[in-house]
Amino acid sequence: MTTLTPYLLFDGNCRQAMEFYRSCLGRELILTVVKDTRAKERIPASQHDKVLNARLKGSNVDVSASDWLRPAGREFAATPFVSVSAEGHLRN
Protein backbone atom coordinates (compact mmCIF):
# COMPACT_ATOMS: atom_id res chain seq x y z
CA MET A 1 0.00 0.00 0.00
CA THR A 2 1.35 3.44 -0.89
CA THR A 3 0.86 6.47 1.34
CA LEU A 4 0.79 9.96 -0.17
CA THR A 5 1.96 12.80 2.10
CA PRO A 6 1.61 16.33 0.70
CA TYR A 7 2.97 19.22 2.81
CA LEU A 8 1.12 22.52 2.49
CA LEU A 9 2.34 25.97 3.54
CA PHE A 10 -0.15 28.71 4.44
CA ASP A 11 0.05 32.42 5.20
CA GLY A 12 -1.76 32.45 8.53
CA ASN A 13 -4.87 30.43 7.63
CA CYS A 14 -3.55 26.90 8.12
CA ARG A 15 -6.02 26.09 10.91
CA GLN A 16 -9.03 27.10 8.81
CA ALA A 17 -7.80 25.21 5.74
CA MET A 18 -7.02 22.02 7.65
CA GLU A 19 -10.38 22.12 9.46
CA PHE A 20 -12.05 22.44 6.06
CA TYR A 21 -10.10 19.44 4.73
CA ARG A 22 -11.09 17.48 7.86
CA SER A 23 -14.76 18.29 7.22
CA CYS A 24 -14.39 16.95 3.67
CA LEU A 25 -12.28 13.88 4.43
CA GLY A 26 -13.52 13.02 7.92
CA ARG A 27 -10.07 12.22 9.27
CA GLU A 28 -8.26 12.92 12.57
CA LEU A 29 -6.66 16.39 12.73
CA ILE A 30 -3.71 17.10 15.02
CA LEU A 31 -2.69 20.77 15.37
CA THR A 32 0.30 22.25 17.20
CA VAL A 33 0.27 26.03 17.69
CA VAL A 34 3.47 28.02 18.30
CA LYS A 35 2.33 29.28 21.74
CA ASP A 36 1.98 25.68 22.96
CA THR A 37 5.64 24.83 22.26
CA ARG A 38 9.10 25.87 23.41
CA ALA A 39 9.61 27.45 19.99
CA LYS A 40 7.61 30.46 21.24
CA GLU A 41 10.77 31.65 23.00
CA ARG A 42 12.41 32.26 19.59
CA ILE A 43 9.36 33.44 17.64
CA PRO A 44 7.79 36.91 17.92
CA ALA A 45 4.58 37.07 19.99
CA SER A 46 2.70 38.27 16.89
CA GLN A 47 3.10 34.75 15.46
CA HIS A 48 2.25 32.69 18.57
CA ASP A 49 -1.25 31.83 17.30
CA LYS A 50 0.08 30.41 14.02
CA VAL A 51 0.15 26.68 13.34
CA LEU A 52 3.61 25.21 13.73
CA ASN A 53 2.49 21.80 12.49
CA ALA A 54 -0.79 20.23 11.41
CA ARG A 55 -1.45 16.69 10.31
CA LEU A 56 -4.61 15.21 8.88
CA LYS A 57 -4.16 11.47 9.30
CA GLY A 58 -5.76 9.11 6.83
CA SER A 59 -5.25 5.54 5.67
CA ASN A 60 -3.62 6.31 2.31
CA VAL A 61 -3.25 10.10 2.50
CA ASP A 62 -1.66 12.10 5.31
CA VAL A 63 -1.82 15.86 4.75
CA SER A 64 0.72 17.89 6.71
CA ALA A 65 0.83 21.68 6.82
CA SER A 66 1.96 24.76 8.69
CA ASP A 67 1.74 28.53 8.61
CA TRP A 68 4.75 30.33 7.21
CA LEU A 69 6.60 31.83 10.17
CA ARG A 70 8.20 34.77 8.47
CA PRO A 71 10.79 37.12 9.92
CA ALA A 72 9.49 40.62 10.68
CA GLY A 73 9.07 42.69 7.52
CA ARG A 74 9.12 39.75 5.07
CA GLU A 75 6.15 38.99 2.87
CA PHE A 76 4.76 35.53 2.20
CA ALA A 77 6.63 34.11 -0.78
CA ALA A 78 4.56 31.61 -2.73
CA THR A 79 6.79 29.12 -4.49
CA PRO A 80 6.17 27.52 -7.88
CA PHE A 81 6.66 23.95 -6.67
CA VAL A 82 4.90 21.26 -4.67
CA SER A 83 6.53 18.79 -2.31
CA VAL A 84 4.95 15.33 -2.17
CA SER A 85 6.33 12.27 -0.41
CA ALA A 86 5.24 8.75 -1.37
CA GLU A 87 5.96 5.78 0.86
CA GLY A 88 5.48 2.17 -0.12
CA HIS A 89 6.21 -1.24 1.35
CA LEU A 90 7.57 -4.18 -0.60
CA ARG A 91 6.07 -7.61 -0.05
CA ASN A 92 8.17 -10.77 -0.23
C-alpha atoms as a PDB file:
ATOM      1  CA  MET A   1       0.000   0.000   0.000  1.00  0.00           C
ATOM      2  CA  THR A   2       1.348   3.443  -0.891  1.00  0.00           C
ATOM      3  CA  THR A   3       0.858   6.474   1.335  1.00  0.00           C
ATOM      4  CA  LEU A   4       0.789   9.960  -0.170  1.00  0.00           C
ATOM      5  CA  THR A   5       1.960  12.797   2.096  1.00  0.00           C
ATOM      6  CA  PRO A   6       1.606  16.329   0.702  1.00  0.00           C
ATOM      7  CA  TYR A   7       2.966  19.216   2.814  1.00  0.00           C
ATOM      8  CA  LEU A   8       1.116  22.518   2.489  1.00  0.00           C
ATOM      9  CA  LEU A   9       2.340  25.971   3.538  1.00  0.00           C
ATOM     10  CA  PHE A  10      -0.147  28.707   4.443  1.00  0.00           C
ATOM     11  CA  ASP A  11       0.054  32.424   5.197  1.00  0.00           C
ATOM     12  CA  GLY A  12      -1.764  32.450   8.534  1.00  0.00           C
ATOM     13  CA  ASN A  13      -4.867  30.432   7.626  1.00  0.00           C
ATOM     14  CA  CYS A  14      -3.546  26.897   8.121  1.00  0.00           C
ATOM     15  CA  ARG A  15      -6.021  26.087  10.911  1.00  0.00           C
ATOM     16  CA  GLN A  16      -9.029  27.097   8.811  1.00  0.00           C
ATOM     17  CA  ALA A  17      -7.799  25.214   5.742  1.00  0.00           C
ATOM     18  CA  MET A  18      -7.022  22.020   7.648  1.00  0.00           C
ATOM     19  CA  GLU A  19     -10.376  22.115   9.459  1.00  0.00           C
ATOM     20  CA  PHE A  20     -12.053  22.443   6.059  1.00  0.00           C
ATOM     21  CA  TYR A  21     -10.097  19.439   4.732  1.00  0.00           C
ATOM     22  CA  ARG A  22     -11.093  17.481   7.865  1.00  0.00           C
ATOM     23  CA  SER A  23     -14.760  18.290   7.219  1.00  0.00           C
ATOM     24  CA  CYS A  24     -14.393  16.948   3.665  1.00  0.00           C
ATOM     25  CA  LEU A  25     -12.279  13.880   4.430  1.00  0.00           C
ATOM     26  CA  GLY A  26     -13.516  13.021   7.923  1.00  0.00           C
ATOM     27  CA  ARG A  27     -10.069  12.217   9.274  1.00  0.00           C
ATOM     28  CA  GLU A  28      -8.261  12.921  12.565  1.00  0.00           C
ATOM     29  CA  LEU A  29      -6.663  16.386  12.727  1.00  0.00           C
ATOM     30  CA  ILE A  30      -3.708  17.096  15.020  1.00  0.00           C
ATOM     31  CA  LEU A  31      -2.690  20.771  15.372  1.00  0.00           C
ATOM     32  CA  THR A  32       0.296  22.251  17.197  1.00  0.00           C
ATOM     33  CA  VAL A  33       0.272  26.025  17.690  1.00  0.00           C
ATOM     34  CA  VAL A  34       3.470  28.018  18.303  1.00  0.00           C
ATOM     35  CA  LYS A  35       2.332  29.283  21.742  1.00  0.00           C
ATOM     36  CA  ASP A  36       1.984  25.683  22.959  1.00  0.00           C
ATOM     37  CA  THR A  37       5.638  24.833  22.263  1.00  0.00           C
ATOM     38  CA  ARG A  38       9.098  25.872  23.412  1.00  0.00           C
ATOM     39  CA  ALA A  39       9.606  27.450  19.989  1.00  0.00           C
ATOM     40  CA  LYS A  40       7.607  30.459  21.242  1.00  0.00           C
ATOM     41  CA  GLU A  41      10.775  31.652  22.996  1.00  0.00           C
ATOM     42  CA  ARG A  42      12.413  32.264  19.593  1.00  0.00           C
ATOM     43  CA  ILE A  43       9.360  33.443  17.640  1.00  0.00           C
ATOM     44  CA  PRO A  44       7.787  36.913  17.916  1.00  0.00           C
ATOM     45  CA  ALA A  45       4.578  37.069  19.986  1.00  0.00           C
ATOM     46  CA  SER A  46       2.701  38.275  16.892  1.00  0.00           C
ATOM     47  CA  GLN A  47       3.099  34.755  15.462  1.00  0.00           C
ATOM     48  CA  HIS A  48       2.250  32.693  18.567  1.00  0.00           C
ATOM     49  CA  ASP A  49      -1.249  31.829  17.298  1.00  0.00           C
ATOM     50  CA  LYS A  50       0.080  30.413  14.018  1.00  0.00           C
ATOM     51  CA  VAL A  51       0.153  26.685  13.340  1.00  0.00           C
ATOM     52  CA  LEU A  52       3.611  25.209  13.727  1.00  0.00           C
ATOM     53  CA  ASN A  53       2.489  21.802  12.494  1.00  0.00           C
ATOM     54  CA  ALA A  54      -0.795  20.235  11.408  1.00  0.00           C
ATOM     55  CA  ARG A  55      -1.451  16.693  10.307  1.00  0.00           C
ATOM     56  CA  LEU A  56      -4.612  15.208   8.882  1.00  0.00           C
ATOM     57  CA  LYS A  57      -4.162  11.470   9.304  1.00  0.00           C
ATOM     58  CA  GLY A  58      -5.757   9.105   6.832  1.00  0.00           C
ATOM     59  CA  SER A  59      -5.253   5.541   5.668  1.00  0.00           C
ATOM     60  CA  ASN A  60      -3.618   6.314   2.309  1.00  0.00           C
ATOM     61  CA  VAL A  61      -3.254  10.096   2.497  1.00  0.00           C
ATOM     62  CA  ASP A  62      -1.655  12.104   5.307  1.00  0.00           C
ATOM     63  CA  VAL A  63      -1.821  15.861   4.750  1.00  0.00           C
ATOM     64  CA  SER A  64       0.720  17.892   6.707  1.00  0.00           C
ATOM     65  CA  ALA A  65       0.827  21.677   6.822  1.00  0.00           C
ATOM     66  CA  SER A  66       1.956  24.764   8.686  1.00  0.00           C
ATOM     67  CA  ASP A  67       1.743  28.528   8.614  1.00  0.00           C
ATOM     68  CA  TRP A  68       4.746  30.331   7.212  1.00  0.00           C
ATOM     69  CA  LEU A  69       6.602  31.828  10.173  1.00  0.00           C
ATOM     70  CA  ARG A  70       8.204  34.771   8.473  1.00  0.00           C
ATOM     71  CA  PRO A  71      10.789  37.120   9.922  1.00  0.00           C
ATOM     72  CA  ALA A  72       9.492  40.622  10.676  1.00  0.00           C
ATOM     73  CA  GLY A  73       9.073  42.686   7.515  1.00  0.00           C
ATOM     74  CA  ARG A  74       9.125  39.747   5.074  1.00  0.00           C
ATOM     75  CA  GLU A  75       6.151  38.993   2.873  1.00  0.00           C
ATOM     76  CA  PHE A  76       4.762  35.525   2.202  1.00  0.00           C
ATOM     77  CA  ALA A  77       6.626  34.114  -0.783  1.00  0.00           C
ATOM     78  CA  ALA A  78       4.562  31.610  -2.731  1.00  0.00           C
ATOM     79  CA  THR A  79       6.788  29.118  -4.490  1.00  0.00           C
ATOM     80  CA  PRO A  80       6.165  27.524  -7.877  1.00  0.00           C
ATOM     81  CA  PHE A  81       6.664  23.952  -6.672  1.00  0.00           C
ATOM     82  CA  VAL A  82       4.903  21.265  -4.672  1.00  0.00           C
ATOM     83  CA  SER A  83       6.533  18.787  -2.307  1.00  0.00           C
ATOM     84  CA  VAL A  84       4.952  15.328  -2.167  1.00  0.00           C
ATOM     85  CA  SER A  85       6.332  12.267  -0.410  1.00  0.00           C
ATOM     86  CA  ALA A  86       5.244   8.747  -1.374  1.00  0.00           C
ATOM     87  CA  GLU A  87       5.961   5.783   0.861  1.00  0.00           C
ATOM     88  CA  GLY A  88       5.477   2.173  -0.122  1.00  0.00           C
ATOM     89  CA  HIS A  89       6.209  -1.238   1.354  1.00  0.00           C
ATOM     90  CA  LEU A  90       7.567  -4.184  -0.599  1.00  0.00           C
ATOM     91  CA  ARG A  91       6.069  -7.607  -0.047  1.00  0.00           C
ATOM     92  CA  ASN A  92       8.174 -10.765  -0.232  1.00  0.00           C
END
